[in-house]
Amino acid sequence: MFADLIRWINRRTPEAYEQAFVTEVHASRPVPRNPRLENIILVCWGLIAVKHIAVIWAVHLYAVPFHQLWINAPTFLLGLLATLAYYWRE
């Protein structure tokens, strides 16, 4: 019943259904990793580490009313997400 309804809505000819199938597939080699970008990722992780140390130092020095993980945890998780997105790409 639904197949006839869909055919009535689309109004395709039977030849159009035969052309809708995949006829050939081309596979390409994966893109090699960019060493310059990997160095930039490493530098960014170094900057994140320096920021973590600076935040911990400032929170303890000035006795602010929140824990340093409120600042450090999102930074770490976003950096981890960006790094994993780069290394898990196809």
PDB file of N, CA and C in Angstrom:
ATOM      1  N   MET A   1       0.823  -1.185   0.000  1.00  0.00           N
ATOM      2  CA  MET A   1       0.000   0.000   0.000  1.00  0.00           C
ATOM      3  C   MET A   1       0.869   1.251   0.000  1.00  0.00           C
ATOM      4  N   PHE A   2       1.895   1.313   0.888  1.00  0.00           N
ATOM      5  CA  PHE A   2       2.733   2.504   0.947  1.00  0.00           C
ATOM      6  C   PHE A   2       3.623   2.639  -0.273  1.00  0.00           C
ATOM      7  N   ALA A   3       4.044   1.513  -0.856  1.00  0.00           N
ATOM      8  CA  ALA A   3       4.889   1.574  -2.048  1.00  0.00           C
ATOM      9  C   ALA A   3       4.133   2.237  -3.195  1.00  0.00           C
ATOM     10  N   ASP A   4       2.880   1.883  -3.370  1.00  0.00           N
ATOM     11  CA  ASP A   4       2.086   2.506  -4.434  1.00  0.00           C
ATOM     12  C   ASP A   4       1.848   3.975  -4.143  1.00  0.00           C
ATOM     13  N   LEU A   5       1.665   4.340  -2.869  1.00  0.00           N
ATOM     14  CA  LEU A   5       1.452   5.732  -2.507  1.00  0.00           C
ATOM     15  C   LEU A   5       2.701   6.563  -2.796  1.00  0.00           C
ATOM     16  N   ILE A   6       3.864   6.028  -2.472  1.00  0.00           N
ATOM     17  CA  ILE A   6       5.109   6.752  -2.740  1.00  0.00           C
ATOM     18  C   ILE A   6       5.322   6.923  -4.237  1.00  0.00           C
ATOM     19  N   ARG A   7       5.017   5.888  -5.012  1.00  0.00           N
ATOM     20  CA  ARG A   7       5.168   5.997  -6.461  1.00  0.00           C
ATOM     21  C   ARG A   7       4.192   7.038  -7.022  1.00  0.00           C
ATOM     22  N   TRP A   8       2.999   7.125  -6.455  1.00  0.00           N
ATOM     23  CA  TRP A   8       2.026   8.113  -6.914  1.00  0.00           C
ATOM     24  C   TRP A   8       2.488   9.529  -6.598  1.00  0.00           C
ATOM     25  N   ILE A   9       3.161   9.725  -5.421  1.00  0.00           N
ATOM     26  CA  ILE A   9       3.631  11.054  -5.040  1.00  0.00           C
ATOM     27  C   ILE A   9       4.839  11.465  -5.887  1.00  0.00           C
ATOM     28  N   ASN A  10       5.812  10.550  -6.065  1.00  0.00           N
ATOM     29  CA  ASN A  10       7.038  10.881  -6.796  1.00  0.00           C
ATOM     30  C   ASN A  10       6.851  10.909  -8.305  1.00  0.00           C
ATOM     31  N   ARG A  11       5.980  10.087  -8.799  1.00  0.00           N
ATOM     32  CA  ARG A  11       5.714   9.963 -10.238  1.00  0.00           C
ATOM     33  C   ARG A  11       6.980   9.661 -11.032  1.00  0.00           C
ATOM     34  N   ARG A  12       7.761   8.719 -10.525  1.00  0.00           N
ATOM     35  CA  ARG A  12       8.956   8.287 -11.263  1.00  0.00           C
ATOM     36  C   ARG A  12       8.605   7.155 -12.215  1.00  0.00           C
ATOM     37  N   THR A  13       9.370   7.093 -13.260  1.00  0.00           N
ATOM     38  CA  THR A  13       9.219   5.970 -14.178  1.00  0.00           C
ATOM     39  C   THR A  13      10.053   4.805 -13.654  1.00  0.00           C
ATOM     40  N   PRO A  14       9.763   3.571 -14.046  1.00  0.00           N
ATOM     41  CA  PRO A  14      10.569   2.428 -13.578  1.00  0.00           C
ATOM     42  C   PRO A  14      12.042   2.527 -13.978  1.00  0.00           C
ATOM     43  N   GLU A  15      12.359   3.215 -15.077  1.00  0.00           N
ATOM     44  CA  GLU A  15      13.754   3.369 -15.487  1.00  0.00           C
ATOM     45  C   GLU A  15      14.529   4.249 -14.499  1.00  0.00           C
ATOM     46  N   ALA A  16      13.865   5.193 -13.874  1.00  0.00           N
ATOM     47  CA  ALA A  16      14.526   6.076 -12.902  1.00  0.00           C
ATOM     48  C   ALA A  16      14.983   5.291 -11.682  1.00  0.00           C
ATOM     49  N   TYR A  17      14.255   4.242 -11.320  1.00  0.00           N
ATOM     50  CA  TYR A  17      14.675   3.435 -10.176  1.00  0.00           C
ATOM     51  C   TYR A  17      15.946   2.650 -10.489  1.00  0.00           C
ATOM     52  N   GLU A  18      16.111   2.208 -11.715  1.00  0.00           N
ATOM     53  CA  GLU A  18      17.318   1.481 -12.102  1.00  0.00           C
ATOM     54  C   GLU A  18      18.539   2.398 -12.098  1.00  0.00           C
ATOM     55  N   GLN A  19      18.362   3.667 -12.418  1.00  0.00           N
ATOM     56  CA  GLN A  19      19.485   4.604 -12.446  1.00  0.00           C
ATOM     57  C   GLN A  19      19.872   5.082 -11.061  1.00  0.00           C
ATOM     58  N   ALA A  20      19.053   4.826 -10.067  1.00  0.00           N
ATOM     59  CA  ALA A  20      19.319   5.311  -8.715  1.00  0.00           C
ATOM     60  C   ALA A  20      20.364   4.475  -7.987  1.00  0.00           C
ATOM     61  N   PHE A  21      20.726   3.306  -8.494  1.00  0.00           N
ATOM     62  CA  PHE A  21      21.697   2.448  -7.828  1.00  0.00           C
ATOM     63  C   PHE A  21      23.118   2.908  -8.109  1.00  0.00           C
ATOM     64  N   VAL A  22      24.029   2.610  -7.195  1.00  0.00           N
ATOM     65  CA  VAL A  22      25.439   2.967  -7.346  1.00  0.00           C
ATOM     66  C   VAL A  22      26.050   2.065  -8.406  1.00  0.00           C
ATOM     67  N   THR A  23      26.706   2.662  -9.377  1.00  0.00           N
ATOM     68  CA  THR A  23      27.289   1.862 -10.452  1.00  0.00           C
ATOM     69  C   THR A  23      28.777   1.605 -10.247  1.00  0.00           C
ATOM     70  N   GLU A  24      29.486   2.538  -9.627  1.00  0.00           N
ATOM     71  CA  GLU A  24      30.916   2.326  -9.374  1.00  0.00           C
ATOM     72  C   GLU A  24      31.355   3.143  -8.162  1.00  0.00           C
ATOM     73  N   VAL A  25      32.450   2.689  -7.551  1.00  0.00           N
ATOM     74  CA  VAL A  25      32.975   3.326  -6.352  1.00  0.00           C
ATOM     75  C   VAL A  25      34.460   3.576  -6.555  1.00  0.00           C
ATOM     76  N   HIS A  26      34.923   4.763  -6.170  1.00  0.00           N
ATOM     77  CA  HIS A  26      36.346   5.082  -6.243  1.00  0.00           C
ATOM     78  C   HIS A  26      36.875   5.274  -4.823  1.00  0.00           C
ATOM     79  N   ALA A  27      37.927   4.549  -4.490  1.00  0.00           N
ATOM     80  CA  ALA A  27      38.544   4.684  -3.164  1.00  0.00           C
ATOM     81  C   ALA A  27      39.825   5.492  -3.306  1.00  0.00           C
ATOM     82  N   SER A  28      40.051   6.377  -2.362  1.00  0.00           N
ATOM     83  CA  SER A  28      41.273   7.182  -2.398  1.00  0.00           C
ATOM     84  C   SER A  28      42.092   6.904  -1.148  1.00  0.00           C
ATOM     85  N   ARG A  29      43.368   7.196  -1.242  1.00  0.00           N
ATOM     86  CA  ARG A  29      44.253   6.985  -0.104  1.00  0.00           C
ATOM     87  C   ARG A  29      43.991   8.051   0.957  1.00  0.00           C
ATOM     88  N   PRO A  30      44.199   7.692   2.235  1.00  0.00           N
ATOM     89  CA  PRO A  30      43.997   8.705   3.276  1.00  0.00           C
ATOM     90  C   PRO A  30      45.027   9.818   3.174  1.00  0.00           C
ATOM     91  N   VAL A  31      44.614  10.997   3.570  1.00  0.00           N
ATOM     92  CA  VAL A  31      45.496  12.155   3.529  1.00  0.00           C
ATOM     93  C   VAL A  31      46.531  12.001   4.646  1.00  0.00           C
ATOM     94  N   PRO A  32      47.824  12.148   4.329  1.00  0.00           N
ATOM     95  CA  PRO A  32      48.831  12.005   5.381  1.00  0.00           C
ATOM     96  C   PRO A  32      48.736  13.131   6.409  1.00  0.00           C
ATOM     97  N   ARG A  33      49.203  12.835   7.600  1.00  0.00           N
ATOM     98  CA  ARG A  33      49.160  13.828   8.678  1.00  0.00           C
ATOM     99  C   ARG A  33      50.151  14.960   8.385  1.00  0.00           C
ATOM    100  N   ASN A  34      49.785  16.142   8.812  1.00  0.00           N
ATOM    101  CA  ASN A  34      50.600  17.325   8.602  1.00  0.00           C
ATOM    102  C   ASN A  34      51.513  17.517   9.813  1.00  0.00           C
ATOM    103  N   PRO A  35      52.843  17.368   9.660  1.00  0.00           N
ATOM    104  CA  PRO A  35      53.733  17.512  10.816  1.00  0.00           C
ATOM    105  C   PRO A  35      53.719  18.920  11.411  1.00  0.00           C
ATOM    106  N   ARG A  36      53.491  19.921  10.594  1.00  0.00           N
ATOM    107  CA  ARG A  36      53.432  21.293  11.108  1.00  0.00           C
ATOM    108  C   ARG A  36      52.219  21.464  12.028  1.00  0.00           C
ATOM    109  N   LEU A  37      51.093  20.904  11.629  1.00  0.00           N
ATOM    110  CA  LEU A  37      49.896  20.989  12.449  1.00  0.00           C
ATOM    111  C   LEU A  37      50.053  20.194  13.748  1.00  0.00           C
ATOM    112  N   GLU A  38      50.745  19.056  13.677  1.00  0.00           N
ATOM    113  CA  GLU A  38      50.994  18.280  14.897  1.00  0.00           C
ATOM    114  C   GLU A  38      51.893  19.056  15.855  1.00  0.00           C
ATOM    115  N   ASN A  39      52.839  19.824  15.330  1.00  0.00           N
ATOM    116  CA  ASN A  39      53.675  20.677  16.190  1.00  0.00           C
ATOM    117  C   ASN A  39      52.843  21.795  16.821  1.00  0.00           C
ATOM    118  N   ILE A  40      51.889  22.340  16.065  1.00  0.00           N
ATOM    119  CA  ILE A  40      51.017  23.376  16.609  1.00  0.00           C
ATOM    120  C   ILE A  40      50.151  22.801  17.731  1.00  0.00           C
ATOM    121  N   ILE A  41      49.661  21.573  17.549  1.00  0.00           N
ATOM    122  CA  ILE A  41      48.876  20.914  18.598  1.00  0.00           C
ATOM    123  C   ILE A  41      49.730  20.722  19.839  1.00  0.00           C
ATOM    124  N   LEU A  42      50.975  20.320  19.679  1.00  0.00           N
ATOM    125  CA  LEU A  42      51.883  20.137  20.812  1.00  0.00           C
ATOM    126  C   LEU A  42      52.140  21.466  21.533  1.00  0.00           C
ATOM    127  N   VAL A  43      52.333  22.537  20.791  1.00  0.00           N
ATOM    128  CA  VAL A  43      52.543  23.859  21.400  1.00  0.00           C
ATOM    129  C   VAL A  43      51.283  24.288  22.154  1.00  0.00           C
ATOM    130  N   CYS A  44      50.118  24.025  21.580  1.00  0.00           N
ATOM    131  CA  CYS A  44      48.866  24.386  22.254  1.00  0.00           C
ATOM    132  C   CYS A  44      48.704  23.616  23.558  1.00  0.00           C
ATOM    133  N   TRP A  45      49.081  22.338  23.582  1.00  0.00           N
ATOM    134  CA  TRP A  45      49.018  21.581  24.828  1.00  0.00           C
ATOM    135  C   TRP A  45      50.005  22.132  25.855  1.00  0.00           C
ATOM    136  N   GLY A  46      51.143  22.626  25.397  1.00  0.00           N
ATOM    137  CA  GLY A  46      52.081  23.282  26.307  1.00  0.00           C
ATOM    138  C   GLY A  46      51.480  24.552  26.899  1.00  0.00           C
ATOM    139  N   LEU A  47      50.793  25.337  26.061  1.00  0.00           N
ATOM    140  CA  LEU A  47      50.135  26.544  26.555  1.00  0.00           C
ATOM    141  C   LEU A  47      49.008  26.219  27.531  1.00  0.00           C
ATOM    142  N   ILE A  48      48.295  25.133  27.270  1.00  0.00           N
ATOM    143  CA  ILE A  48      47.244  24.707  28.204  1.00  0.00           C
ATOM    144  C   ILE A  48      47.866  24.329  29.543  1.00  0.00           C
ATOM    145  N   ALA A  49      49.004  23.643  29.525  1.00  0.00           N
ATOM    146  CA  ALA A  49      49.678  23.263  30.771  1.00  0.00           C
ATOM    147  C   ALA A  49      50.135  24.497  31.539  1.00  0.00           C
ATOM    148  N   VAL A  50      50.684  25.482  30.831  1.00  0.00           N
ATOM    149  CA  VAL A  50      51.114  26.725  31.492  1.00  0.00           C
ATOM    150  C   VAL A  50      49.910  27.449  32.084  1.00  0.00           C
ATOM    151  N   LYS A  51      48.793  27.472  31.353  1.00  0.00           N
ATOM    152  CA  LYS A  51      47.577  28.118  31.863  1.00  0.00           C
ATOM    153  C   LYS A  51      47.066  27.406  33.108  1.00  0.00           C
ATOM    154  N   HIS A  52      47.123  26.080  33.110  1.00  0.00           N
ATOM    155  CA  HIS A  52      46.683  25.330  34.289  1.00  0.00           C
ATOM    156  C   HIS A  52      47.511  25.699  35.514  1.00  0.00           C
ATOM    157  N   ILE A  53      48.808  25.759  35.347  1.00  0.00           N
ATOM    158  CA  ILE A  53      49.691  26.114  36.463  1.00  0.00           C
ATOM    159  C   ILE A  53      49.414  27.543  36.931  1.00  0.00           C
ATOM    160  N   ALA A  54      49.222  28.459  35.976  1.00  0.00           N
ATOM    161  CA  ALA A  54      48.954  29.854  36.339  1.00  0.00           C
ATOM    162  C   ALA A  54      47.618  30.002  37.068  1.00  0.00           C
ATOM    163  N   VAL A  55      46.606  29.268  36.643  1.00  0.00           N
ATOM    164  CA  VAL A  55      45.303  29.346  37.302  1.00  0.00           C
ATOM    165  C   VAL A  55      45.385  28.766  38.710  1.00  0.00           C
ATOM    166  N   ILE A  56      46.050  27.633  38.868  1.00  0.00           N
ATOM    167  CA  ILE A  56      46.201  27.039  40.199  1.00  0.00           C
ATOM    168  C   ILE A  56      46.944  27.999  41.119  1.00  0.00           C
ATOM    169  N   TRP A  57      47.996  28.608  40.630  1.00  0.00           N
ATOM    170  CA  TRP A  57      48.776  29.566  41.428  1.00  0.00           C
ATOM    171  C   TRP A  57      47.910  30.774  41.824  1.00  0.00           C
ATOM    172  N   ALA A  58      47.158  31.318  40.848  1.00  0.00           N
ATOM    173  CA  ALA A  58      46.351  32.512  41.129  1.00  0.00           C
ATOM    174  C   ALA A  58      45.208  32.211  42.100  1.00  0.00           C
ATOM    175  N   VAL A  59      44.593  31.037  41.980  1.00  0.00           N
ATOM    176  CA  VAL A  59      43.490  30.681  42.875  1.00  0.00           C
ATOM    177  C   VAL A  59      43.993  30.539  44.305  1.00  0.00           C
ATOM    178  N   HIS A  60      45.161  29.931  44.470  1.00  0.00           N
ATOM    179  CA  HIS A  60      45.696  29.773  45.821  1.00  0.00           C
ATOM    180  C   HIS A  60      46.235  31.091  46.384  1.00  0.00           C
ATOM    181  N   LEU A  61      46.799  31.938  45.542  1.00  0.00           N
ATOM    182  CA  LEU A  61      47.373  33.195  46.011  1.00  0.00           C
ATOM    183  C   LEU A  61      46.285  34.185  46.436  1.00  0.00           C
ATOM    184  N   TYR A  62      45.247  34.323  45.611  1.00  0.00           N
ATOM    185  CA  TYR A  62      44.229  35.340  45.868  1.00  0.00           C
ATOM    186  C   TYR A  62      42.998  34.800  46.592  1.00  0.00           C
ATOM    187  N   ALA A  63      42.943  33.551  46.901  1.00  0.00           N
ATOM    188  CA  ALA A  63      41.849  32.926  47.654  1.00  0.00           C
ATOM    189  C   ALA A  63      40.483  33.271  47.067  1.00  0.00           C
ATOM    190  N   VAL A  64      40.308  32.981  45.798  1.00  0.00           N
ATOM    191  CA  VAL A  64      39.020  33.218  45.148  1.00  0.00           C
ATOM    192  C   VAL A  64      38.014  32.162  45.614  1.00  0.00           C
ATOM    193  N   PRO A  65      36.728  32.468  45.585  1.00  0.00           N
ATOM    194  CA  PRO A  65      35.737  31.557  46.169  1.00  0.00           C
ATOM    195  C   PRO A  65      35.286  30.413  45.253  1.00  0.00           C
ATOM    196  N   PHE A  66      36.111  29.947  44.347  1.00  0.00           N
ATOM    197  CA  PHE A  66      35.755  28.784  43.522  1.00  0.00           C
ATOM    198  C   PHE A  66      36.983  27.920  43.321  1.00  0.00           C
ATOM    199  N   HIS A  67      36.723  26.703  42.901  1.00  0.00           N
ATOM    200  CA  HIS A  67      37.808  25.746  42.685  1.00  0.00           C
ATOM    201  C   HIS A  67      38.420  25.971  41.303  1.00  0.00           C
ATOM    202  N   GLN A  68      39.717  25.706  41.189  1.00  0.00           N
ATOM    203  CA  GLN A  68      40.402  25.972  39.917  1.00  0.00           C
ATOM    204  C   GLN A  68      39.927  25.057  38.787  1.00  0.00           C
ATOM    205  N   LEU A  69      39.302  23.932  39.124  1.00  0.00           N
ATOM    206  CA  LEU A  69      38.823  23.045  38.065  1.00  0.00           C
ATOM    207  C   LEU A  69      37.664  23.648  37.269  1.00  0.00           C
ATOM    208  N   TRP A  70      36.974  24.663  37.803  1.00  0.00           N
ATOM    209  CA  TRP A  70      35.934  25.335  37.052  1.00  0.00           C
ATOM    210  C   TRP A  70      36.508  26.042  35.825  1.00  0.00           C
ATOM    211  N   ILE A  71      37.775  26.357  35.864  1.00  0.00           N
ATOM    212  CA  ILE A  71      38.438  26.994  34.717  1.00  0.00           C
ATOM    213  C   ILE A  71      39.262  25.973  33.944  1.00  0.00           C
ATOM    214  N   ASN A  72      39.974  25.115  34.660  1.00  0.00           N
ATOM    215  CA  ASN A  72      40.898  24.184  34.000  1.00  0.00           C
ATOM    216  C   ASN A  72      40.198  23.015  33.310  1.00  0.00           C
ATOM    217  N   ALA A  73      39.125  22.502  33.885  1.00  0.00           N
ATOM    218  CA  ALA A  73      38.468  21.327  33.296  1.00  0.00           C
ATOM    219  C   ALA A  73      37.892  21.603  31.904  1.00  0.00           C
ATOM    220  N   PRO A  74      37.152  22.690  31.690  1.00  0.00           N
ATOM    221  CA  PRO A  74      36.657  22.933  30.321  1.00  0.00           C
ATOM    222  C   PRO A  74      37.778  23.147  29.309  1.00  0.00           C
ATOM    223  N   THR A  75      38.857  23.798  29.737  1.00  0.00           N
ATOM    224  CA  THR A  75      39.985  24.007  28.834  1.00  0.00           C
ATOM    225  C   THR A  75      40.596  22.679  28.425  1.00  0.00           C
ATOM    226  N   PHE A  76      40.795  21.809  29.411  1.00  0.00           N
ATOM    227  CA  PHE A  76      41.376  20.501  29.125  1.00  0.00           C
ATOM    228  C   PHE A  76      40.459  19.677  28.231  1.00  0.00           C
ATOM    229  N   LEU A  77      39.157  19.660  28.521  1.00  0.00           N
ATOM    230  CA  LEU A  77      38.228  18.859  27.737  1.00  0.00           C
ATOM    231  C   LEU A  77      38.090  19.366  26.303  1.00  0.00           C
ATOM    232  N   LEU A  78      38.094  20.671  26.119  1.00  0.00           N
ATOM    233  CA  LEU A  78      38.015  21.209  24.761  1.00  0.00           C
ATOM    234  C   LEU A  78      39.289  20.917  23.967  1.00  0.00           C
ATOM    235  N   GLY A  79      40.441  21.023  24.630  1.00  0.00           N
ATOM    236  CA  GLY A  79      41.694  20.660  23.965  1.00  0.00           C
ATOM    237  C   GLY A  79      41.742  19.187  23.617  1.00  0.00           C
ATOM    238  N   LEU A  80      41.239  18.337  24.518  1.00  0.00           N
ATOM    239  CA  LEU A  80      41.197  16.907  24.255  1.00  0.00           C
ATOM    240  C   LEU A  80      40.252  16.595  23.101  1.00  0.00           C
ATOM    241  N   LEU A  81      39.110  17.246  23.072  1.00  0.00           N
ATOM    242  CA  LEU A  81      38.159  17.038  21.985  1.00  0.00           C
ATOM    243  C   LEU A  81      38.750  17.445  20.632  1.00  0.00           C
ATOM    244  N   ALA A  82      39.437  18.577  20.595  1.00  0.00           N
ATOM    245  CA  ALA A  82      40.043  19.034  19.341  1.00  0.00           C
ATOM    246  C   ALA A  82      41.160  18.094  18.896  1.00  0.00           C
ATOM    247  N   THR A  83      41.957  17.612  19.844  1.00  0.00           N
ATOM    248  CA  THR A  83      43.042  16.695  19.500  1.00  0.00           C
ATOM    249  C   THR A  83      42.494  15.370  18.992  1.00  0.00           C
ATOM    250  N   LEU A  84      41.479  14.838  19.658  1.00  0.00           N
ATOM    251  CA  LEU A  84      40.888  13.579  19.218  1.00  0.00           C
ATOM    252  C   LEU A  84      40.203  13.723  17.864  1.00  0.00           C
ATOM    253  N   ALA A  85      39.586  14.857  17.622  1.00  0.00           N
ATOM    254  CA  ALA A  85      38.956  15.083  16.318  1.00  0.00           C
ATOM    255  C   ALA A  85      39.998  15.080  15.205  1.00  0.00           C
ATOM    256  N   TYR A  86      41.186  15.586  15.486  1.00  0.00           N
ATOM    257  CA  TYR A  86      42.243  15.582  14.471  1.00  0.00           C
ATOM    258  C   TYR A  86      42.771  14.172  14.244  1.00  0.00           C
ATOM    259  N   TYR A  87      43.021  13.423  15.307  1.00  0.00           N
ATOM    260  CA  TYR A  87      43.629  12.108  15.161  1.00  0.00           C
ATOM    261  C   TYR A  87      42.644  11.026  14.750  1.00  0.00           C
ATOM    262  N   TRP A  88      41.345  11.207  14.968  1.00  0.00           N
ATOM    263  CA  TRP A  88      40.368  10.212  14.554  1.00  0.00           C
ATOM    264  C   TRP A  88      39.770  10.485  13.201  1.00  0.00           C
ATOM    265  N   ARG A  89      40.242  11.494  12.500  1.00  0.00           N
ATOM    266  CA  ARG A  89      39.653  11.804  11.186  1.00  0.00           C
ATOM    267  C   ARG A  89      39.993  10.711  10.202  1.00  0.00           C
ATOM    268  N   GLU A  90      39.188  10.602   9.197  1.00  0.00           N
ATOM    269  CA  GLU A  90      39.369   9.551   8.185  1.00  0.00           C
ATOM    270  C   GLU A  90      40.410   9.960   7.189  1.00  0.00           C
TER     271      GLU A  90
END
